[in-house]
C-alpha atoms as a PDB file:
ATOM      1  CA  UNK A   1      48.814 -53.624 -60.329  1.00  0.00           C
ATOM      2  CA  UNK A   2      46.149 -53.011 -57.307  1.00  0.00           C
ATOM      3  CA  UNK A   3      46.964 -49.689 -55.326  1.00  0.00           C
ATOM      4  CA  UNK A   4      47.408 -51.956 -52.380  1.00  0.00           C
ATOM      5  CA  UNK A   5      50.301 -53.747 -53.869  1.00  0.00           C
ATOM      6  CA  UNK A   6      52.360 -51.057 -55.118  1.00  0.00           C
ATOM      7  CA  UNK A   7      55.453 -49.417 -53.691  1.00  0.00           C
ATOM      8  CA  UNK A   8      54.616 -46.277 -51.986  1.00  0.00           C
ATOM      9  CA  UNK A   9      56.947 -44.434 -53.984  1.00  0.00           C
ATOM     10  CA  UNK A  10      55.402 -45.857 -57.493  1.00  0.00           C
ATOM     11  CA  UNK A  11      52.316 -44.808 -56.218  1.00  0.00           C
ATOM     12  CA  UNK A  12      53.152 -41.002 -55.529  1.00  0.00           C
ATOM     13  CA  UNK A  13      54.827 -41.200 -58.675  1.00  0.00           C
ATOM     14  CA  UNK A  14      51.584 -42.245 -60.532  1.00  0.00           C
ATOM     15  CA  UNK A  15      49.884 -39.478 -58.413  1.00  0.00           C
ATOM     16  CA  UNK A  16      52.091 -36.803 -59.340  1.00  0.00           C
ATOM     17  CA  UNK A  17      51.673 -37.745 -63.414  1.00  0.00           C
ATOM     18  CA  UNK A  18      49.437 -35.579 -65.762  1.00  0.00           C
ATOM     19  CA  UNK A  19      46.705 -38.012 -65.954  1.00  0.00           C
ATOM     20  CA  UNK A  20      43.332 -38.564 -64.443  1.00  0.00           C
ATOM     21  CA  UNK A  21      43.914 -41.113 -62.109  1.00  0.00           C
ATOM     22  CA  UNK A  22      44.850 -41.785 -59.152  1.00  0.00           C
ATOM     23  CA  UNK A  23      43.840 -38.485 -57.922  1.00  0.00           C
ATOM     24  CA  UNK A  24      42.391 -36.836 -54.913  1.00  0.00           C
ATOM     25  CA  UNK A  25      39.825 -39.539 -54.646  1.00  0.00           C
ATOM     26  CA  UNK A  26      42.322 -42.408 -54.287  1.00  0.00           C
ATOM     27  CA  UNK A  27      44.453 -40.087 -51.868  1.00  0.00           C
ATOM     28  CA  UNK A  28      41.379 -39.518 -49.621  1.00  0.00           C
ATOM     29  CA  UNK A  29      40.879 -43.376 -49.449  1.00  0.00           C
ATOM     30  CA  UNK A  30      44.354 -43.911 -48.637  1.00  0.00           C
ATOM     31  CA  UNK A  31      44.227 -41.383 -45.698  1.00  0.00           C
ATOM     32  CA  UNK A  32      41.392 -43.509 -44.287  1.00  0.00           C
ATOM     33  CA  UNK A  33      43.499 -46.528 -44.701  1.00  0.00           C
ATOM     34  CA  UNK A  34      46.289 -45.207 -43.152  1.00  0.00           C
ATOM     35  CA  UNK A  35      43.994 -43.794 -40.061  1.00  0.00           C
ATOM     36  CA  UNK A  36      42.761 -47.265 -39.635  1.00  0.00           C
ATOM     37  CA  UNK A  37      46.135 -48.958 -39.640  1.00  0.00           C
ATOM     38  CA  UNK A  38      47.271 -46.433 -37.122  1.00  0.00           C
ATOM     39  CA  UNK A  39      44.469 -47.498 -34.760  1.00  0.00           C
ATOM     40  CA  UNK A  40      45.145 -51.096 -35.149  1.00  0.00           C
ATOM     41  CA  UNK A  41      48.797 -50.605 -33.863  1.00  0.00           C
ATOM     42  CA  UNK A  42      47.578 -48.763 -31.034  1.00  0.00           C
ATOM     43  CA  UNK A  43      44.969 -51.670 -30.266  1.00  0.00           C
ATOM     44  CA  UNK A  44      47.751 -54.233 -30.573  1.00  0.00           C
ATOM     45  CA  UNK A  45      49.952 -52.429 -27.994  1.00  0.00           C
ATOM     46  CA  UNK A  46      46.760 -52.309 -25.643  1.00  0.00           C
ATOM     47  CA  UNK A  47      47.196 -55.796 -24.672  1.00  0.00           C
ATOM     48  CA  UNK A  48      48.026 -57.928 -21.819  1.00  0.00           C
ATOM     49  CA  UNK A  49      47.198 -58.158 -18.237  1.00  0.00           C
ATOM     50  CA  UNK A  50      47.202 -54.413 -17.741  1.00  0.00           C
ATOM     51  CA  UNK A  51      44.290 -54.130 -20.319  1.00  0.00           C
ATOM     52  CA  UNK A  52      42.532 -57.432 -19.638  1.00  0.00           C
ATOM     53  CA  UNK A  53      39.306 -55.740 -18.790  1.00  0.00           C
ATOM     54  CA  UNK A  54      39.126 -54.257 -22.353  1.00  0.00           C
ATOM     55  CA  UNK A  55      40.321 -57.142 -24.240  1.00  0.00           C
ATOM     56  CA  UNK A  56      36.888 -57.695 -25.975  1.00  0.00           C
ATOM     57  CA  UNK A  57      36.446 -54.228 -26.800  1.00  0.00           C
ATOM     58  CA  UNK A  58      40.384 -54.033 -28.183  1.00  0.00           C
ATOM     59  CA  UNK A  59      39.899 -57.333 -30.080  1.00  0.00           C
ATOM     60  CA  UNK A  60      36.306 -55.844 -31.793  1.00  0.00           C
ATOM     61  CA  UNK A  61      38.370 -52.530 -32.644  1.00  0.00           C
ATOM     62  CA  UNK A  62      41.281 -54.489 -34.145  1.00  0.00           C
ATOM     63  CA  UNK A  63      38.928 -56.471 -36.171  1.00  0.00           C
ATOM     64  CA  UNK A  64      37.118 -53.502 -37.531  1.00  0.00           C
ATOM     65  CA  UNK A  65      40.011 -51.342 -38.181  1.00  0.00           C
ATOM     66  CA  UNK A  66      41.758 -53.928 -40.244  1.00  0.00           C
ATOM     67  CA  UNK A  67      38.433 -54.591 -42.142  1.00  0.00           C
ATOM     68  CA  UNK A  68      38.075 -50.953 -42.863  1.00  0.00           C
ATOM     69  CA  UNK A  69      41.610 -50.347 -43.964  1.00  0.00           C
ATOM     70  CA  UNK A  70      40.870 -53.163 -46.525  1.00  0.00           C
ATOM     71  CA  UNK A  71      37.739 -51.539 -47.580  1.00  0.00           C
ATOM     72  CA  UNK A  72      39.674 -48.257 -47.910  1.00  0.00           C
ATOM     73  CA  UNK A  73      42.285 -49.528 -50.228  1.00  0.00           C
ATOM     74  CA  UNK A  74      39.500 -51.119 -52.384  1.00  0.00           C
ATOM     75  CA  UNK A  75      37.883 -47.858 -52.655  1.00  0.00           C
ATOM     76  CA  UNK A  76      41.313 -46.303 -53.873  1.00  0.00           C
ATOM     77  CA  UNK A  77      41.443 -48.823 -56.425  1.00  0.00           C
ATOM     78  CA  UNK A  78      37.836 -48.072 -57.292  1.00  0.00           C
ATOM     79  CA  UNK A  79      38.167 -44.370 -57.423  1.00  0.00           C
ATOM     80  CA  UNK A  80      41.363 -44.719 -59.695  1.00  0.00           C
ATOM     81  CA  UNK A  81      39.162 -47.091 -61.957  1.00  0.00           C
ATOM     82  CA  UNK A  82      36.163 -44.795 -61.991  1.00  0.00           C
ATOM     83  CA  UNK A  83      38.237 -41.601 -63.058  1.00  0.00           C
ATOM     84  CA  UNK A  84      39.937 -43.683 -66.087  1.00  0.00           C
ATOM     85  CA  UNK A  85      36.518 -44.939 -67.070  1.00  0.00           C
ATOM     86  CA  UNK A  86      35.389 -41.190 -67.065  1.00  0.00           C
ATOM     87  CA  UNK A  87      38.095 -40.146 -69.260  1.00  0.00           C
ATOM     88  CA  UNK A  88      37.275 -42.879 -71.710  1.00  0.00           C
ATOM     89  CA  UNK A  89      33.821 -41.793 -71.935  1.00  0.00           C
ATOM     90  CA  UNK A  90      35.024 -38.068 -72.800  1.00  0.00           C
ATOM     91  CA  UNK A  91      36.894 -39.550 -75.427  1.00  0.00           C
ATOM     92  CA  UNK A  92      33.985 -41.291 -77.179  1.00  0.00           C
ATOM     93  CA  UNK A  93      33.119 -40.238 -80.706  1.00  0.00           C
ATOM     94  CA  UNK A  94      30.552 -37.584 -81.250  1.00  0.00           C
ATOM     95  CA  UNK A  95      30.327 -36.810 -85.084  1.00  0.00           C
ATOM     96  CA  UNK A  96      26.801 -38.079 -85.342  1.00  0.00           C
ATOM     97  CA  UNK A  97      23.606 -37.590 -83.277  1.00  0.00           C
ATOM     98  CA  UNK A  98      23.708 -40.996 -82.116  1.00  0.00           C
ATOM     99  CA  UNK A  99      27.095 -41.145 -81.166  1.00  0.00           C
ATOM    100  CA  UNK A 100      26.747 -37.743 -79.255  1.00  0.00           C
ATOM    101  CA  UNK A 101      23.513 -39.329 -77.244  1.00  0.00           C
ATOM    102  CA  UNK A 102      25.741 -42.322 -76.642  1.00  0.00           C
ATOM    103  CA  UNK A 103      28.663 -40.275 -75.355  1.00  0.00           C
ATOM    104  CA  UNK A 104      26.320 -37.943 -73.162  1.00  0.00           C
ATOM    105  CA  UNK A 105      24.807 -41.250 -71.641  1.00  0.00           C
ATOM    106  CA  UNK A 106      28.242 -42.576 -70.886  1.00  0.00           C
ATOM    107  CA  UNK A 107      29.538 -39.250 -69.415  1.00  0.00           C
ATOM    108  CA  UNK A 108      26.558 -38.777 -67.127  1.00  0.00           C
ATOM    109  CA  UNK A 109      27.003 -42.508 -65.750  1.00  0.00           C
ATOM    110  CA  UNK A 110      30.687 -41.988 -65.275  1.00  0.00           C
ATOM    111  CA  UNK A 111      30.143 -39.242 -63.271  1.00  0.00           C
ATOM    112  CA  UNK A 112      27.643 -41.121 -60.768  1.00  0.00           C
ATOM    113  CA  UNK A 113      30.258 -43.897 -60.766  1.00  0.00           C
ATOM    114  CA  UNK A 114      33.290 -41.374 -60.060  1.00  0.00           C
ATOM    115  CA  UNK A 115      31.213 -40.019 -57.209  1.00  0.00           C
ATOM    116  CA  UNK A 116      30.455 -43.160 -55.405  1.00  0.00           C
ATOM    117  CA  UNK A 117      34.075 -44.244 -54.190  1.00  0.00           C
ATOM    118  CA  UNK A 118      34.665 -40.814 -52.299  1.00  0.00           C
ATOM    119  CA  UNK A 119      31.015 -40.806 -50.812  1.00  0.00           C
ATOM    120  CA  UNK A 120      31.949 -44.257 -49.422  1.00  0.00           C
ATOM    121  CA  UNK A 121      35.096 -43.246 -48.037  1.00  0.00           C
ATOM    122  CA  UNK A 122      33.547 -40.664 -46.287  1.00  0.00           C
ATOM    123  CA  UNK A 123      31.481 -43.250 -44.299  1.00  0.00           C
ATOM    124  CA  UNK A 124      34.576 -44.984 -43.846  1.00  0.00           C
ATOM    125  CA  UNK A 125      36.491 -41.970 -42.307  1.00  0.00           C
ATOM    126  CA  UNK A 126      33.399 -41.604 -39.996  1.00  0.00           C
ATOM    127  CA  UNK A 127      33.870 -45.159 -38.706  1.00  0.00           C
ATOM    128  CA  UNK A 128      37.595 -44.794 -37.993  1.00  0.00           C
ATOM    129  CA  UNK A 129      36.935 -41.558 -36.180  1.00  0.00           C
ATOM    130  CA  UNK A 130      34.266 -43.525 -34.133  1.00  0.00           C
ATOM    131  CA  UNK A 131      36.835 -46.209 -33.210  1.00  0.00           C
ATOM    132  CA  UNK A 132      39.420 -43.563 -32.641  1.00  0.00           C
ATOM    133  CA  UNK A 133      37.181 -42.141 -29.863  1.00  0.00           C
ATOM    134  CA  UNK A 134      36.642 -45.609 -28.378  1.00  0.00           C
ATOM    135  CA  UNK A 135      40.625 -46.477 -28.579  1.00  0.00           C
ATOM    136  CA  UNK A 136      41.406 -42.745 -26.996  1.00  0.00           C
ATOM    137  CA  UNK A 137      39.607 -43.990 -23.763  1.00  0.00           C
ATOM    138  CA  UNK A 138      41.062 -47.208 -23.211  1.00  0.00           C
ATOM    139  CA  UNK A 139      44.316 -47.184 -25.636  1.00  0.00           C
ATOM    140  CA  UNK A 140      47.838 -47.743 -24.101  1.00  0.00           C
ATOM    141  CA  UNK A 141      48.979 -43.994 -23.195  1.00  0.00           C
ATOM    142  CA  UNK A 142      52.523 -44.867 -24.598  1.00  0.00           C
ATOM    143  CA  UNK A 143      51.293 -44.712 -28.234  1.00  0.00           C
ATOM    144  CA  UNK A 144      48.053 -42.366 -27.334  1.00  0.00           C
ATOM    145  CA  UNK A 145      49.407 -39.674 -30.021  1.00  0.00           C
ATOM    146  CA  UNK A 146      48.855 -42.380 -32.800  1.00  0.00           C
ATOM    147  CA  UNK A 147      45.205 -42.473 -31.764  1.00  0.00           C
ATOM    148  CA  UNK A 148      45.059 -38.639 -32.681  1.00  0.00           C
ATOM    149  CA  UNK A 149      47.496 -39.476 -35.682  1.00  0.00           C
ATOM    150  CA  UNK A 150      44.701 -41.825 -36.932  1.00  0.00           C
ATOM    151  CA  UNK A 151      41.875 -39.447 -36.292  1.00  0.00           C
ATOM    152  CA  UNK A 152      43.470 -36.504 -38.159  1.00  0.00           C
ATOM    153  CA  UNK A 153      44.199 -39.053 -41.214  1.00  0.00           C
ATOM    154  CA  UNK A 154      40.464 -39.945 -41.284  1.00  0.00           C
ATOM    155  CA  UNK A 155      39.601 -36.214 -41.073  1.00  0.00           C
ATOM    156  CA  UNK A 156      41.825 -35.616 -44.138  1.00  0.00           C
ATOM    157  CA  UNK A 157      39.950 -38.446 -45.528  1.00  0.00           C
ATOM    158  CA  UNK A 158      36.477 -37.104 -45.222  1.00  0.00           C
ATOM    159  CA  UNK A 159      37.544 -33.510 -45.953  1.00  0.00           C
ATOM    160  CA  UNK A 160      39.175 -34.626 -49.195  1.00  0.00           C
ATOM    161  CA  UNK A 161      36.504 -37.066 -50.375  1.00  0.00           C
ATOM    162  CA  UNK A 162      33.751 -34.440 -49.661  1.00  0.00           C
ATOM    163  CA  UNK A 163      35.520 -32.057 -52.242  1.00  0.00           C
ATOM    164  CA  UNK A 164      36.046 -34.882 -54.809  1.00  0.00           C
ATOM    165  CA  UNK A 165      31.984 -35.712 -54.267  1.00  0.00           C
ATOM    166  CA  UNK A 166      31.267 -32.103 -54.779  1.00  0.00           C
ATOM    167  CA  UNK A 167      33.074 -31.510 -58.040  1.00  0.00           C
ATOM    168  CA  UNK A 168      31.305 -34.531 -59.602  1.00  0.00           C
ATOM    169  CA  UNK A 169      28.002 -33.401 -58.028  1.00  0.00           C
ATOM    170  CA  UNK A 170      28.192 -30.459 -60.011  1.00  0.00           C
ATOM    171  CA  UNK A 171      27.909 -32.284 -63.191  1.00  0.00           C
ATOM    172  CA  UNK A 172      25.459 -35.096 -61.938  1.00  0.00           C
ATOM    173  CA  UNK A 173      21.988 -34.667 -63.557  1.00  0.00           C
ATOM    174  CA  UNK A 174      20.150 -37.643 -61.971  1.00  0.00           C
ATOM    175  CA  UNK A 175      18.351 -36.443 -59.395  1.00  0.00           C
ATOM    176  CA  UNK A 176      18.355 -39.652 -56.867  1.00  0.00           C
ATOM    177  CA  UNK A 177      21.969 -39.585 -57.316  1.00  0.00           C
ATOM    178  CA  UNK A 178      22.544 -36.005 -56.592  1.00  0.00           C
ATOM    179  CA  UNK A 179      20.351 -36.407 -53.371  1.00  0.00           C
ATOM    180  CA  UNK A 180      22.233 -39.445 -52.223  1.00  0.00           C
ATOM    181  CA  UNK A 181      25.735 -37.716 -53.018  1.00  0.00           C
ATOM    182  CA  UNK A 182      24.575 -34.591 -51.143  1.00  0.00           C
ATOM    183  CA  UNK A 183      23.573 -36.759 -48.161  1.00  0.00           C
ATOM    184  CA  UNK A 184      27.145 -38.355 -48.219  1.00  0.00           C
ATOM    185  CA  UNK A 185      28.970 -35.098 -48.421  1.00  0.00           C
ATOM    186  CA  UNK A 186      26.706 -33.625 -45.644  1.00  0.00           C
ATOM    187  CA  UNK A 187      28.082 -36.139 -42.962  1.00  0.00           C
ATOM    188  CA  UNK A 188      31.913 -34.527 -43.543  1.00  0.00           C
ATOM    189  CA  UNK A 189      31.490 -31.650 -41.520  1.00  0.00           C
ATOM    190  CA  UNK A 190      30.266 -33.835 -38.244  1.00  0.00           C
ATOM    191  CA  UNK A 191      33.262 -35.991 -39.027  1.00  0.00           C
ATOM    192  CA  UNK A 192      35.913 -33.705 -39.235  1.00  0.00           C
ATOM    193  CA  UNK A 193      34.364 -31.959 -35.785  1.00  0.00           C
ATOM    194  CA  UNK A 194      34.524 -35.321 -34.033  1.00  0.00           C
ATOM    195  CA  UNK A 195      38.329 -35.991 -35.301  1.00  0.00           C
ATOM    196  CA  UNK A 196      39.314 -32.538 -33.868  1.00  0.00           C
ATOM    197  CA  UNK A 197      37.906 -33.053 -30.648  1.00  0.00           C
ATOM    198  CA  UNK A 198      39.608 -36.451 -30.272  1.00  0.00           C
ATOM    199  CA  UNK A 199      42.788 -34.586 -31.195  1.00  0.00           C
ATOM    200  CA  UNK A 200      42.123 -31.862 -28.735  1.00  0.00           C
ATOM    201  CA  UNK A 201      41.420 -34.615 -25.910  1.00  0.00           C
ATOM    202  CA  UNK A 202      44.651 -36.395 -26.809  1.00  0.00           C
ATOM    203  CA  UNK A 203      46.788 -33.440 -26.834  1.00  0.00           C
ATOM    204  CA  UNK A 204      45.376 -32.678 -23.266  1.00  0.00           C
ATOM    205  CA  UNK A 205      46.084 -35.977 -22.209  1.00  0.00           C
ATOM    206  CA  UNK A 206      49.575 -35.343 -23.588  1.00  0.00           C
ATOM    207  CA  UNK A 207      50.277 -31.948 -21.642  1.00  0.00           C
ATOM    208  CA  UNK A 208      48.536 -33.333 -18.410  1.00  0.00           C
END
């Protein structure tokens, strides 16, 4: 069953099991999905005559966060699939030189495949944070804390996904793939900093 169709409790049970998937990468993607969903809620509260001047922007935000939520769910599934495949590669036979070579090639490719979903999660998290910043300026003040909650969920997504990229990066021997993963992981610091700035600004509004 796709992760997006699971009951939350069932997913958490699987997450807690001794098994390669789902793991931190899938959890990172779900952080991003939750962040996008929270922004969708705030945007949908930012409607009516009071917010008429912002309706084009709000409509765009709703469309984008809904799309990002779907992408994040698919990345959670892709991450779980990739780690299951990697576990399968490590179980391949290695009795002969030919089998050893095939196994090594399969593991190398599986490591690259496993690093891609969390790398993409970092990008999704960055987009969620950017939309949180836009919404913080115009969103309904009654639910402004949920803009910060969305930004923080995206921050957690970026930080968690970065660790998952880095642990796979340590074993990836393909130079081009390594450079791409390093570039993806390198975006996380700025995303985290932007999310923290949004949260600080929201808290300032709450205290005002």
